[in-house]
Amino acid sequence: MTTRSTQLDIEHILRILPHRWPFVLVDRVTEVVPNEVIRGHKCVSMNEPWFQGHFPKSPIMPGVLVIEALAQIGGILAYASEPFDASRSLLYFLGIDKAKFRRPVIPGDRLDLEVTVVHHRTNVWKLRGQASVEGTLCAQGELLASVVDQEA
């Protein structure tokens, strides 16, 4: 088995993901081993739009957005493992199991993301993700996603 590690900056990430500001939740990929694991991060800033209402006097990144960040980096792993035409296909997030939230994510944190492949068959991916800040686990879960063709 050949191990290949790659780093991706935001420009490369934007070529893979269909998301755009303010919904791109991966700033950098630091390591990719196709069909195995991906690591990267999101730099959490006070100017993120959700902090205006969640919560103004005690800002916390919504847990569903932490899970979405894991889903997005998982999509990059699927693409790196079996490239698809991103202009014709999308990776749809189908579900989350065993989601747990352990620590709040606040402005100034660097949210470290790690997703591993649990199972892959045809166009369906089962992934395990965890998000942490400075080595402390913030959220985790098992993600289910599928590559689907966009309708014309």
N, C-alpha and C. Protein backbone atom coordinates (compact mmCIF):
# COMPACT_ATOMS: atom_id res chain seq x y z
N MET A 1 0.84 -1.17 0.00
CA MET A 1 0.00 0.00 0.00
C MET A 1 0.89 1.24 0.00
N THR A 2 0.61 2.15 -0.90
CA THR A 2 1.38 3.38 -0.99
C THR A 2 0.70 4.47 -0.19
N THR A 3 1.45 5.15 0.64
CA THR A 3 0.91 6.26 1.41
C THR A 3 1.31 7.55 0.73
N ARG A 4 0.32 8.40 0.48
CA ARG A 4 0.59 9.70 -0.12
C ARG A 4 0.01 10.76 0.79
N SER A 5 0.80 11.74 1.13
CA SER A 5 0.36 12.83 1.98
C SER A 5 0.41 14.13 1.18
N THR A 6 -0.62 14.93 1.31
CA THR A 6 -0.73 16.15 0.53
C THR A 6 -1.29 17.26 1.41
N GLN A 7 -0.85 18.48 1.16
CA GLN A 7 -1.44 19.65 1.81
C GLN A 7 -2.23 20.43 0.77
N LEU A 8 -3.36 20.99 1.18
CA LEU A 8 -4.20 21.78 0.29
C LEU A 8 -4.49 23.13 0.93
N ASP A 9 -4.28 24.21 0.16
CA ASP A 9 -4.63 25.53 0.65
C ASP A 9 -6.08 25.85 0.27
N ILE A 10 -6.55 27.03 0.67
CA ILE A 10 -7.96 27.39 0.46
C ILE A 10 -8.32 27.43 -1.01
N GLU A 11 -7.41 27.84 -1.88
CA GLU A 11 -7.72 27.89 -3.31
C GLU A 11 -8.03 26.50 -3.86
N HIS A 12 -7.25 25.52 -3.44
CA HIS A 12 -7.49 24.14 -3.87
C HIS A 12 -8.78 23.60 -3.26
N ILE A 13 -9.02 23.92 -2.01
CA ILE A 13 -10.25 23.48 -1.33
C ILE A 13 -11.47 24.00 -2.07
N LEU A 14 -11.43 25.26 -2.51
CA LEU A 14 -12.56 25.86 -3.22
C LEU A 14 -12.79 25.23 -4.60
N ARG A 15 -11.78 24.60 -5.16
CA ARG A 15 -11.97 23.89 -6.43
C ARG A 15 -12.69 22.56 -6.22
N ILE A 16 -12.63 22.03 -5.01
CA ILE A 16 -13.26 20.74 -4.70
C ILE A 16 -14.65 20.92 -4.11
N LEU A 17 -14.77 21.79 -3.09
CA LEU A 17 -16.05 21.97 -2.41
C LEU A 17 -16.94 22.95 -3.17
N PRO A 18 -18.25 22.70 -3.18
CA PRO A 18 -19.17 23.66 -3.80
C PRO A 18 -19.50 24.83 -2.87
N HIS A 19 -19.14 24.74 -1.60
CA HIS A 19 -19.46 25.77 -0.61
C HIS A 19 -18.69 27.06 -0.88
N ARG A 20 -19.28 28.17 -0.47
CA ARG A 20 -18.65 29.49 -0.57
C ARG A 20 -18.94 30.24 0.73
N TRP A 21 -18.23 31.38 0.90
CA TRP A 21 -18.41 32.17 2.10
C TRP A 21 -19.88 32.51 2.26
N PRO A 22 -20.43 32.44 3.44
CA PRO A 22 -19.77 32.18 4.74
C PRO A 22 -19.82 30.72 5.16
N PHE A 23 -19.99 29.82 4.21
CA PHE A 23 -20.22 28.43 4.59
C PHE A 23 -19.06 27.49 4.28
N VAL A 24 -17.91 28.00 3.89
CA VAL A 24 -16.73 27.15 3.76
C VAL A 24 -16.13 27.03 5.15
N LEU A 25 -16.11 25.82 5.69
CA LEU A 25 -15.70 25.62 7.07
C LEU A 25 -14.39 24.84 7.20
N VAL A 26 -13.61 24.81 6.12
CA VAL A 26 -12.27 24.21 6.13
C VAL A 26 -11.33 25.25 5.54
N ASP A 27 -10.33 25.68 6.31
CA ASP A 27 -9.37 26.67 5.83
C ASP A 27 -8.13 26.04 5.20
N ARG A 28 -7.75 24.88 5.69
CA ARG A 28 -6.53 24.24 5.20
C ARG A 28 -6.59 22.75 5.47
N VAL A 29 -6.06 21.99 4.53
CA VAL A 29 -5.87 20.56 4.71
C VAL A 29 -4.37 20.36 4.91
N THR A 30 -4.00 19.71 5.99
CA THR A 30 -2.59 19.52 6.31
C THR A 30 -2.07 18.14 5.93
N GLU A 31 -2.99 17.17 5.79
CA GLU A 31 -2.56 15.82 5.42
C GLU A 31 -3.73 15.07 4.80
N VAL A 32 -3.45 14.37 3.72
CA VAL A 32 -4.44 13.48 3.09
C VAL A 32 -3.75 12.17 2.77
N VAL A 33 -4.32 11.09 3.23
CA VAL A 33 -3.93 9.76 2.81
C VAL A 33 -5.18 9.16 2.18
N PRO A 34 -5.26 9.14 0.85
CA PRO A 34 -6.49 8.67 0.18
C PRO A 34 -6.96 7.33 0.72
N ASN A 35 -8.29 7.23 0.84
CA ASN A 35 -8.97 6.02 1.34
C ASN A 35 -8.69 5.71 2.81
N GLU A 36 -8.01 6.63 3.50
CA GLU A 36 -7.69 6.38 4.91
C GLU A 36 -8.06 7.55 5.81
N VAL A 37 -7.34 8.68 5.69
CA VAL A 37 -7.50 9.76 6.67
C VAL A 37 -7.22 11.12 6.03
N ILE A 38 -7.83 12.14 6.61
CA ILE A 38 -7.55 13.53 6.24
C ILE A 38 -7.49 14.35 7.52
N ARG A 39 -6.60 15.33 7.53
CA ARG A 39 -6.47 16.24 8.67
C ARG A 39 -6.39 17.67 8.14
N GLY A 40 -6.96 18.58 8.88
CA GLY A 40 -6.92 19.98 8.50
C GLY A 40 -7.48 20.83 9.63
N HIS A 41 -7.79 22.09 9.31
CA HIS A 41 -8.33 22.94 10.36
C HIS A 41 -9.18 24.09 9.83
N LYS A 42 -9.93 24.65 10.75
CA LYS A 42 -10.74 25.85 10.55
C LYS A 42 -10.32 26.84 11.61
N CYS A 43 -9.94 28.04 11.19
CA CYS A 43 -9.59 29.10 12.14
C CYS A 43 -10.88 29.86 12.47
N VAL A 44 -11.26 29.81 13.72
CA VAL A 44 -12.53 30.40 14.16
C VAL A 44 -12.30 31.85 14.54
N SER A 45 -13.03 32.74 13.90
CA SER A 45 -12.86 34.18 14.09
C SER A 45 -14.14 34.82 14.61
N MET A 46 -13.99 35.89 15.39
CA MET A 46 -15.15 36.59 15.93
C MET A 46 -16.03 37.17 14.84
N ASN A 47 -15.50 37.39 13.64
CA ASN A 47 -16.32 37.99 12.59
C ASN A 47 -17.16 36.96 11.82
N GLU A 48 -17.21 35.72 12.27
CA GLU A 48 -18.08 34.73 11.65
C GLU A 48 -19.53 35.18 11.87
N PRO A 49 -20.39 35.06 10.86
CA PRO A 49 -21.74 35.62 10.98
C PRO A 49 -22.61 35.03 12.08
N TRP A 50 -22.40 33.78 12.46
CA TRP A 50 -23.26 33.16 13.47
C TRP A 50 -23.02 33.69 14.87
N PHE A 51 -21.87 34.30 15.13
CA PHE A 51 -21.60 34.79 16.48
C PHE A 51 -22.46 35.98 16.86
N GLN A 52 -23.07 36.65 15.89
CA GLN A 52 -23.97 37.77 16.21
C GLN A 52 -25.17 37.30 17.02
N GLY A 53 -25.58 36.05 16.78
CA GLY A 53 -26.76 35.55 17.49
C GLY A 53 -26.52 34.31 18.31
N HIS A 54 -25.31 33.78 18.34
CA HIS A 54 -25.04 32.51 19.03
C HIS A 54 -23.75 32.60 19.83
N PHE A 55 -23.64 33.14 20.86
CA PHE A 55 -24.51 34.00 21.63
C PHE A 55 -23.77 35.31 21.80
N PRO A 56 -24.42 36.46 21.64
CA PRO A 56 -23.70 37.74 21.59
C PRO A 56 -22.76 38.01 22.77
N LYS A 57 -23.15 37.63 23.98
CA LYS A 57 -22.31 37.91 25.14
C LYS A 57 -21.39 36.76 25.50
N SER A 58 -21.61 35.62 24.88
CA SER A 58 -20.77 34.44 25.13
C SER A 58 -20.72 33.62 23.85
N PRO A 59 -19.96 34.08 22.83
CA PRO A 59 -20.01 33.45 21.52
C PRO A 59 -19.48 32.01 21.51
N ILE A 60 -20.28 31.12 20.91
CA ILE A 60 -19.94 29.71 20.78
C ILE A 60 -20.27 29.30 19.35
N MET A 61 -19.34 28.60 18.69
CA MET A 61 -19.62 28.07 17.36
C MET A 61 -20.69 26.99 17.48
N PRO A 62 -21.79 27.11 16.72
CA PRO A 62 -22.84 26.08 16.81
C PRO A 62 -22.29 24.68 16.54
N GLY A 63 -22.69 23.73 17.36
CA GLY A 63 -22.23 22.35 17.21
C GLY A 63 -22.52 21.77 15.84
N VAL A 64 -23.67 22.13 15.25
CA VAL A 64 -24.00 21.61 13.92
C VAL A 64 -22.99 22.10 12.89
N LEU A 65 -22.40 23.28 13.10
CA LEU A 65 -21.38 23.77 12.17
C LEU A 65 -20.05 23.06 12.37
N VAL A 66 -19.77 22.63 13.58
CA VAL A 66 -18.57 21.82 13.81
C VAL A 66 -18.72 20.49 13.06
N ILE A 67 -19.91 19.89 13.15
CA ILE A 67 -20.18 18.66 12.41
C ILE A 67 -20.11 18.91 10.90
N GLU A 68 -20.64 20.05 10.44
CA GLU A 68 -20.57 20.40 9.02
C GLU A 68 -19.12 20.54 8.57
N ALA A 69 -18.26 21.10 9.40
CA ALA A 69 -16.83 21.21 9.06
C ALA A 69 -16.23 19.81 8.86
N LEU A 70 -16.61 18.87 9.72
CA LEU A 70 -16.14 17.49 9.56
C LEU A 70 -16.69 16.89 8.26
N ALA A 71 -17.95 17.17 7.94
CA ALA A 71 -18.54 16.66 6.70
C ALA A 71 -17.81 17.24 5.49
N GLN A 72 -17.48 18.53 5.53
CA GLN A 72 -16.79 19.15 4.41
C GLN A 72 -15.40 18.56 4.20
N ILE A 73 -14.65 18.40 5.26
CA ILE A 73 -13.31 17.83 5.09
C ILE A 73 -13.41 16.35 4.69
N GLY A 74 -14.48 15.68 5.15
CA GLY A 74 -14.73 14.31 4.69
C GLY A 74 -15.01 14.26 3.20
N GLY A 75 -15.70 15.28 2.68
CA GLY A 75 -15.93 15.37 1.24
C GLY A 75 -14.64 15.52 0.47
N ILE A 76 -13.72 16.28 1.02
CA ILE A 76 -12.40 16.44 0.38
C ILE A 76 -11.66 15.10 0.38
N LEU A 77 -11.78 14.33 1.46
CA LEU A 77 -11.16 13.00 1.52
C LEU A 77 -11.77 12.08 0.46
N ALA A 78 -13.09 12.09 0.31
CA ALA A 78 -13.74 11.26 -0.72
C ALA A 78 -13.23 11.65 -2.10
N TYR A 79 -13.13 12.94 -2.36
CA TYR A 79 -12.65 13.43 -3.65
C TYR A 79 -11.19 13.01 -3.89
N ALA A 80 -10.36 13.12 -2.86
CA ALA A 80 -8.96 12.74 -2.98
C ALA A 80 -8.80 11.24 -3.19
N SER A 81 -9.75 10.47 -2.66
CA SER A 81 -9.68 9.01 -2.77
C SER A 81 -10.18 8.52 -4.12
N GLU A 82 -11.28 9.08 -4.59
CA GLU A 82 -11.87 8.71 -5.88
C GLU A 82 -12.37 9.98 -6.55
N PRO A 83 -11.49 10.70 -7.24
CA PRO A 83 -11.88 11.99 -7.83
C PRO A 83 -13.12 11.86 -8.72
N PHE A 84 -14.00 12.85 -8.55
CA PHE A 84 -15.20 12.93 -9.37
C PHE A 84 -15.24 14.33 -9.96
N ASP A 85 -16.02 14.51 -10.98
CA ASP A 85 -16.16 15.82 -11.63
C ASP A 85 -17.00 16.71 -10.73
N ALA A 86 -16.35 17.60 -10.01
CA ALA A 86 -17.05 18.46 -9.04
C ALA A 86 -18.03 19.42 -9.70
N SER A 87 -17.93 19.61 -11.00
CA SER A 87 -18.90 20.46 -11.70
C SER A 87 -20.17 19.68 -12.03
N ARG A 88 -20.12 18.34 -11.96
CA ARG A 88 -21.28 17.52 -12.31
C ARG A 88 -21.81 16.68 -11.15
N SER A 89 -21.01 16.51 -10.11
CA SER A 89 -21.42 15.68 -8.98
C SER A 89 -21.17 16.41 -7.67
N LEU A 90 -21.95 16.04 -6.67
CA LEU A 90 -21.80 16.60 -5.32
C LEU A 90 -21.73 15.45 -4.32
N LEU A 91 -21.07 15.70 -3.22
CA LEU A 91 -21.09 14.74 -2.12
C LEU A 91 -22.15 15.23 -1.15
N TYR A 92 -23.25 14.50 -1.04
CA TYR A 92 -24.33 14.86 -0.12
C TYR A 92 -24.10 14.22 1.24
N PHE A 93 -24.27 15.02 2.26
CA PHE A 93 -24.21 14.57 3.65
C PHE A 93 -25.54 13.91 3.95
N LEU A 94 -25.54 12.61 4.27
CA LEU A 94 -26.77 11.85 4.47
C LEU A 94 -27.17 11.68 5.92
N GLY A 95 -26.19 11.68 6.82
CA GLY A 95 -26.56 11.44 8.21
C GLY A 95 -25.38 11.47 9.15
N ILE A 96 -25.73 11.52 10.42
CA ILE A 96 -24.73 11.52 11.48
C ILE A 96 -25.20 10.56 12.57
N ASP A 97 -24.30 9.74 13.04
CA ASP A 97 -24.56 8.83 14.16
C ASP A 97 -23.52 9.07 15.23
N LYS A 98 -23.91 8.78 16.46
CA LYS A 98 -22.99 8.85 17.59
C LYS A 98 -22.35 10.22 17.76
N ALA A 99 -23.09 11.27 17.42
CA ALA A 99 -22.56 12.64 17.58
C ALA A 99 -22.51 12.99 19.06
N LYS A 100 -21.37 13.54 19.46
CA LYS A 100 -21.19 14.00 20.84
C LYS A 100 -20.44 15.31 20.81
N PHE A 101 -20.85 16.20 21.69
CA PHE A 101 -20.19 17.50 21.82
C PHE A 101 -19.57 17.56 23.20
N ARG A 102 -18.26 17.83 23.25
CA ARG A 102 -17.50 17.72 24.49
C ARG A 102 -17.04 19.06 25.05
N ARG A 103 -16.77 20.03 24.18
CA ARG A 103 -16.21 21.32 24.62
C ARG A 103 -16.66 22.37 23.63
N PRO A 104 -17.04 23.57 24.11
CA PRO A 104 -17.43 24.64 23.19
C PRO A 104 -16.24 25.13 22.36
N VAL A 105 -16.54 25.59 21.15
CA VAL A 105 -15.55 26.18 20.26
C VAL A 105 -15.84 27.67 20.23
N ILE A 106 -14.82 28.49 20.52
CA ILE A 106 -15.02 29.94 20.67
C ILE A 106 -14.10 30.71 19.71
N PRO A 107 -14.41 31.98 19.50
CA PRO A 107 -13.53 32.78 18.64
C PRO A 107 -12.08 32.74 19.13
N GLY A 108 -11.17 32.63 18.17
CA GLY A 108 -9.74 32.53 18.49
C GLY A 108 -9.22 31.11 18.48
N ASP A 109 -10.14 30.13 18.52
CA ASP A 109 -9.72 28.73 18.48
C ASP A 109 -9.31 28.32 17.07
N ARG A 110 -8.37 27.41 16.98
CA ARG A 110 -8.11 26.71 15.72
C ARG A 110 -8.73 25.33 15.88
N LEU A 111 -9.78 25.09 15.12
CA LEU A 111 -10.51 23.83 15.20
C LEU A 111 -9.81 22.81 14.30
N ASP A 112 -9.16 21.83 14.93
CA ASP A 112 -8.46 20.78 14.20
C ASP A 112 -9.45 19.68 13.84
N LEU A 113 -9.44 19.29 12.56
CA LEU A 113 -10.40 18.33 12.03
C LEU A 113 -9.67 17.07 11.57
N GLU A 114 -10.20 15.92 11.91
CA GLU A 114 -9.65 14.65 11.45
C GLU A 114 -10.80 13.72 11.10
N VAL A 115 -10.73 13.16 9.89
CA VAL A 115 -11.77 12.23 9.42
C VAL A 115 -11.09 11.00 8.85
N THR A 116 -11.58 9.83 9.24
CA THR A 116 -11.06 8.56 8.73
C THR A 116 -12.18 7.80 8.02
N VAL A 117 -11.79 7.00 7.06
CA VAL A 117 -12.76 6.16 6.35
C VAL A 117 -13.05 4.93 7.20
N VAL A 118 -14.33 4.70 7.45
CA VAL A 118 -14.76 3.50 8.15
C VAL A 118 -15.13 2.43 7.12
N HIS A 119 -15.87 2.88 6.09
CA HIS A 119 -16.34 1.96 5.06
C HIS A 119 -16.65 2.74 3.79
N HIS A 120 -16.35 2.15 2.66
CA HIS A 120 -16.66 2.78 1.38
C HIS A 120 -17.10 1.71 0.40
N ARG A 121 -18.26 1.94 -0.20
CA ARG A 121 -18.76 1.03 -1.24
C ARG A 121 -19.43 1.86 -2.32
N THR A 122 -19.07 1.65 -3.54
CA THR A 122 -19.55 2.40 -4.71
C THR A 122 -19.50 3.90 -4.43
N ASN A 123 -20.66 4.55 -4.31
CA ASN A 123 -20.67 6.00 -4.10
C ASN A 123 -21.01 6.40 -2.67
N VAL A 124 -21.04 5.45 -1.74
CA VAL A 124 -21.42 5.73 -0.35
C VAL A 124 -20.20 5.63 0.55
N TRP A 125 -20.05 6.64 1.41
CA TRP A 125 -18.92 6.73 2.33
C TRP A 125 -19.43 6.77 3.77
N LYS A 126 -18.84 5.95 4.62
CA LYS A 126 -19.06 6.05 6.07
C LYS A 126 -17.73 6.51 6.66
N LEU A 127 -17.78 7.62 7.38
CA LEU A 127 -16.57 8.26 7.90
C LEU A 127 -16.70 8.48 9.40
N ARG A 128 -15.59 8.50 10.08
CA ARG A 128 -15.56 8.84 11.51
C ARG A 128 -14.76 10.12 11.65
N GLY A 129 -15.36 11.11 12.31
CA GLY A 129 -14.70 12.39 12.45
C GLY A 129 -14.57 12.84 13.89
N GLN A 130 -13.54 13.64 14.11
CA GLN A 130 -13.40 14.28 15.41
C GLN A 130 -12.80 15.66 15.21
N ALA A 131 -13.28 16.59 16.03
CA ALA A 131 -12.81 17.97 16.00
C ALA A 131 -12.26 18.29 17.38
N SER A 132 -11.10 18.95 17.40
CA SER A 132 -10.46 19.27 18.68
C SER A 132 -9.82 20.64 18.62
N VAL A 133 -9.56 21.18 19.80
CA VAL A 133 -8.85 22.44 19.95
C VAL A 133 -7.72 22.19 20.94
N GLU A 134 -6.49 22.45 20.48
CA GLU A 134 -5.30 22.25 21.31
C GLU A 134 -5.28 20.88 21.98
N GLY A 135 -5.67 19.85 21.20
CA GLY A 135 -5.63 18.48 21.70
C GLY A 135 -6.82 18.05 22.53
N THR A 136 -7.76 18.96 22.80
CA THR A 136 -8.95 18.62 23.58
C THR A 136 -10.11 18.37 22.63
N LEU A 137 -10.71 17.19 22.73
CA LEU A 137 -11.82 16.80 21.87
C LEU A 137 -13.01 17.73 22.08
N CYS A 138 -13.55 18.27 20.98
CA CYS A 138 -14.72 19.16 21.03
C CYS A 138 -15.98 18.46 20.54
N ALA A 139 -15.85 17.69 19.47
CA ALA A 139 -17.01 17.00 18.90
C ALA A 139 -16.52 15.78 18.13
N GLN A 140 -17.43 14.82 17.98
CA GLN A 140 -17.11 13.61 17.26
C GLN A 140 -18.39 13.01 16.72
N GLY A 141 -18.25 12.14 15.73
CA GLY A 141 -19.41 11.46 15.19
C GLY A 141 -19.05 10.62 13.99
N GLU A 142 -20.01 9.78 13.57
CA GLU A 142 -19.87 8.99 12.36
C GLU A 142 -20.75 9.61 11.29
N LEU A 143 -20.17 9.88 10.14
CA LEU A 143 -20.85 10.58 9.06
C LEU A 143 -21.14 9.62 7.92
N LEU A 144 -22.29 9.82 7.27
CA LEU A 144 -22.64 9.05 6.09
C LEU A 144 -22.85 10.03 4.95
N ALA A 145 -22.23 9.76 3.79
CA ALA A 145 -22.31 10.66 2.65
C ALA A 145 -22.33 9.85 1.35
N SER A 146 -22.83 10.49 0.29
CA SER A 146 -22.91 9.82 -1.00
C SER A 146 -22.61 10.81 -2.12
N VAL A 147 -21.85 10.36 -3.12
CA VAL A 147 -21.60 11.14 -4.32
C VAL A 147 -22.79 10.96 -5.25
N VAL A 148 -23.42 12.07 -5.63
CA VAL A 148 -24.58 12.00 -6.51
C VAL A 148 -24.40 12.97 -7.67
N ASP A 149 -24.95 12.61 -8.82
CA ASP A 149 -24.91 13.49 -9.98
C ASP A 149 -25.90 14.62 -9.79
N GLN A 150 -25.48 15.84 -10.18
CA GLN A 150 -26.38 16.99 -10.15
C GLN A 150 -27.34 16.89 -11.32
N GLU A 151 -28.54 17.35 -11.10
CA GLU A 151 -29.50 17.40 -12.20
C GLU A 151 -29.18 18.59 -13.08
N ALA A 152 -29.34 18.43 -14.37
CA ALA A 152 -29.03 19.51 -15.32
C ALA A 152 -29.99 20.66 -15.24
